[in-house]
């Protein structure tokens, strides 16, 4: 669903947001290692900021579930 406050990030911006390299995102896209959606705009890959938040949140690990 479209969120008017959402925006498209370049692969470089998405990599910075996640704390990985641009090359890592390229490998993940090529090998389909993670289900991280991206959009092709010509030869460019773009990522919705909301998808990056969802991706990061889905990998959150609680070290002490009693202190949520």
N, C-alpha and C. Protein backbone atom coordinates (compact mmCIF):
# COMPACT_ATOMS: atom_id res chain seq x y z
N UNK A 1 0.84 -1.18 0.00
CA UNK A 1 0.00 0.00 0.00
C UNK A 1 0.89 1.24 0.00
N UNK A 2 0.52 2.21 -0.79
CA UNK A 2 1.30 3.43 -0.92
C UNK A 2 1.10 4.33 0.28
N UNK A 3 2.20 4.86 0.78
CA UNK A 3 2.20 5.81 1.88
C UNK A 3 2.78 7.11 1.34
N UNK A 4 2.04 8.18 1.43
CA UNK A 4 2.50 9.44 0.85
C UNK A 4 3.76 9.97 1.52
N UNK A 5 4.09 9.50 2.71
CA UNK A 5 5.32 9.91 3.39
C UNK A 5 6.50 9.01 3.05
N UNK A 6 6.24 7.94 2.31
CA UNK A 6 7.29 7.01 1.91
C UNK A 6 8.09 7.63 0.77
N UNK A 7 9.30 7.14 0.58
CA UNK A 7 10.08 7.63 -0.55
C UNK A 7 10.99 6.53 -1.07
N UNK A 8 11.40 6.68 -2.31
CA UNK A 8 12.31 5.73 -2.92
C UNK A 8 13.75 6.14 -2.62
N UNK A 9 14.55 5.14 -2.25
CA UNK A 9 15.97 5.38 -2.00
C UNK A 9 16.79 4.68 -3.07
N UNK A 10 17.94 5.25 -3.38
CA UNK A 10 18.87 4.59 -4.28
C UNK A 10 19.47 3.39 -3.56
N UNK A 11 20.14 2.54 -4.32
CA UNK A 11 20.79 1.38 -3.70
C UNK A 11 21.85 1.85 -2.70
N UNK A 12 22.55 2.92 -3.01
CA UNK A 12 23.56 3.46 -2.09
C UNK A 12 22.92 3.93 -0.79
N UNK A 13 21.79 4.64 -0.90
CA UNK A 13 21.09 5.13 0.29
C UNK A 13 20.53 3.97 1.11
N UNK A 14 20.00 2.97 0.42
CA UNK A 14 19.45 1.80 1.11
C UNK A 14 20.55 1.05 1.85
N UNK A 15 21.70 0.91 1.21
CA UNK A 15 22.83 0.23 1.85
C UNK A 15 23.26 0.99 3.10
N UNK A 16 23.33 2.31 3.01
CA UNK A 16 23.71 3.12 4.17
C UNK A 16 22.68 2.96 5.29
N UNK A 17 21.42 2.96 4.94
CA UNK A 17 20.35 2.80 5.94
C UNK A 17 20.51 1.47 6.69
N UNK A 18 20.81 0.40 5.96
CA UNK A 18 20.94 -0.93 6.57
C UNK A 18 22.32 -1.19 7.17
N UNK A 19 23.28 -0.34 6.86
CA UNK A 19 24.63 -0.52 7.38
C UNK A 19 25.41 -1.62 6.66
N UNK A 20 25.11 -1.79 5.38
CA UNK A 20 25.83 -2.77 4.56
C UNK A 20 26.36 -2.04 3.33
N UNK A 21 27.14 -2.73 2.53
CA UNK A 21 27.67 -2.10 1.33
C UNK A 21 26.68 -2.20 0.17
N UNK A 22 26.86 -1.35 -0.81
CA UNK A 22 26.05 -1.40 -2.02
C UNK A 22 26.22 -2.77 -2.68
N UNK A 23 27.44 -3.28 -2.67
CA UNK A 23 27.72 -4.59 -3.25
C UNK A 23 26.95 -5.70 -2.57
N UNK A 24 26.78 -5.58 -1.26
CA UNK A 24 26.01 -6.58 -0.52
C UNK A 24 24.57 -6.60 -1.02
N UNK A 25 23.98 -5.43 -1.20
CA UNK A 25 22.61 -5.38 -1.71
C UNK A 25 22.53 -5.95 -3.13
N UNK A 26 23.56 -5.71 -3.92
CA UNK A 26 23.59 -6.27 -5.27
C UNK A 26 23.62 -7.79 -5.23
N UNK A 27 24.43 -8.36 -4.33
CA UNK A 27 24.52 -9.82 -4.19
C UNK A 27 23.19 -10.37 -3.69
N UNK A 28 22.58 -9.73 -2.70
CA UNK A 28 21.31 -10.21 -2.18
C UNK A 28 20.25 -10.20 -3.27
N UNK A 29 20.24 -9.18 -4.12
CA UNK A 29 19.25 -9.11 -5.20
C UNK A 29 19.51 -10.20 -6.23
N UNK A 30 20.77 -10.43 -6.55
CA UNK A 30 21.13 -11.42 -7.57
C UNK A 30 20.85 -12.85 -7.11
N UNK A 31 21.20 -13.13 -5.85
CA UNK A 31 21.06 -14.50 -5.33
C UNK A 31 19.71 -14.74 -4.67
N UNK A 32 18.93 -13.66 -4.50
CA UNK A 32 17.63 -13.74 -3.80
C UNK A 32 17.79 -14.32 -2.39
N UNK A 33 18.90 -13.94 -1.75
CA UNK A 33 19.19 -14.44 -0.40
C UNK A 33 18.12 -13.98 0.60
N UNK A 34 17.69 -12.75 0.47
CA UNK A 34 16.65 -12.22 1.35
C UNK A 34 15.49 -11.73 0.51
N UNK A 35 14.33 -11.71 1.12
CA UNK A 35 13.13 -11.22 0.45
C UNK A 35 13.04 -9.72 0.67
N UNK A 36 13.96 -8.99 0.06
CA UNK A 36 13.99 -7.53 0.17
C UNK A 36 13.57 -6.96 -1.19
N UNK A 37 12.35 -6.46 -1.28
CA UNK A 37 11.85 -5.98 -2.58
C UNK A 37 12.59 -4.73 -3.03
N UNK A 38 12.76 -4.63 -4.33
CA UNK A 38 13.30 -3.43 -4.93
C UNK A 38 12.60 -3.19 -6.26
N UNK A 39 12.75 -2.00 -6.76
CA UNK A 39 12.08 -1.60 -7.99
C UNK A 39 13.15 -1.25 -9.01
N UNK A 40 12.99 -1.73 -10.22
CA UNK A 40 13.91 -1.38 -11.30
C UNK A 40 13.36 -0.16 -12.02
N UNK A 41 14.17 0.87 -12.09
CA UNK A 41 13.85 2.08 -12.83
C UNK A 41 14.97 2.21 -13.87
N UNK A 42 14.68 1.72 -15.05
CA UNK A 42 15.74 1.62 -16.05
C UNK A 42 16.78 0.62 -15.56
N UNK A 43 18.02 1.05 -15.45
CA UNK A 43 19.07 0.16 -14.94
C UNK A 43 19.30 0.33 -13.44
N UNK A 44 18.56 1.23 -12.84
CA UNK A 44 18.73 1.52 -11.42
C UNK A 44 17.82 0.66 -10.55
N UNK A 45 18.28 0.33 -9.36
CA UNK A 45 17.45 -0.35 -8.37
C UNK A 45 17.09 0.67 -7.30
N UNK A 46 15.82 0.72 -6.96
CA UNK A 46 15.32 1.64 -5.94
C UNK A 46 14.60 0.85 -4.86
N UNK A 47 14.64 1.34 -3.64
CA UNK A 47 14.05 0.67 -2.49
C UNK A 47 13.10 1.63 -1.78
N UNK A 48 11.88 1.16 -1.50
CA UNK A 48 10.97 1.95 -0.69
C UNK A 48 11.50 1.96 0.74
N UNK A 49 11.52 3.12 1.36
CA UNK A 49 11.98 3.25 2.74
C UNK A 49 11.16 2.35 3.67
N UNK A 50 9.86 2.26 3.44
CA UNK A 50 9.00 1.42 4.29
C UNK A 50 9.40 -0.05 4.19
N UNK A 51 9.83 -0.52 3.00
CA UNK A 51 10.29 -1.90 2.86
C UNK A 51 11.57 -2.14 3.64
N UNK A 52 12.45 -1.14 3.68
CA UNK A 52 13.69 -1.27 4.45
C UNK A 52 13.40 -1.34 5.95
N UNK A 53 12.45 -0.53 6.40
CA UNK A 53 12.04 -0.58 7.81
C UNK A 53 11.46 -1.97 8.14
N UNK A 54 10.61 -2.47 7.27
CA UNK A 54 10.00 -3.78 7.49
C UNK A 54 11.07 -4.88 7.51
N UNK A 55 12.00 -4.82 6.56
CA UNK A 55 13.08 -5.79 6.47
C UNK A 55 13.91 -5.78 7.77
N UNK A 56 14.29 -4.62 8.23
CA UNK A 56 15.10 -4.52 9.45
C UNK A 56 14.31 -4.97 10.67
N UNK A 57 13.07 -4.56 10.77
CA UNK A 57 12.25 -4.92 11.92
C UNK A 57 12.00 -6.43 11.99
N UNK A 58 11.88 -7.08 10.84
CA UNK A 58 11.64 -8.53 10.81
C UNK A 58 12.86 -9.31 11.30
N UNK A 59 14.02 -8.66 11.34
CA UNK A 59 15.23 -9.33 11.78
C UNK A 59 15.65 -8.93 13.19
N UNK A 60 14.77 -8.22 13.88
CA UNK A 60 15.06 -7.80 15.25
C UNK A 60 15.13 -9.02 16.15
N UNK A 61 16.17 -9.07 16.96
CA UNK A 61 16.35 -10.18 17.89
C UNK A 61 16.26 -9.61 19.31
N UNK A 62 15.37 -10.17 20.07
CA UNK A 62 15.22 -9.75 21.47
C UNK A 62 16.11 -10.63 22.32
N UNK A 63 17.07 -10.04 23.01
CA UNK A 63 17.98 -10.82 23.83
C UNK A 63 17.37 -11.17 25.17
N UNK A 64 16.40 -10.37 25.62
CA UNK A 64 15.73 -10.64 26.87
C UNK A 64 14.23 -10.39 26.66
N UNK A 65 13.49 -11.43 26.23
CA UNK A 65 12.08 -11.24 25.91
C UNK A 65 11.22 -10.70 27.05
N UNK A 66 11.69 -10.83 28.29
CA UNK A 66 10.92 -10.33 29.42
C UNK A 66 10.92 -8.81 29.51
N UNK A 67 11.89 -8.15 28.85
CA UNK A 67 12.01 -6.70 28.89
C UNK A 67 11.59 -6.09 27.56
N UNK A 68 10.41 -6.39 27.09
CA UNK A 68 9.95 -5.85 25.82
C UNK A 68 9.53 -4.48 26.02
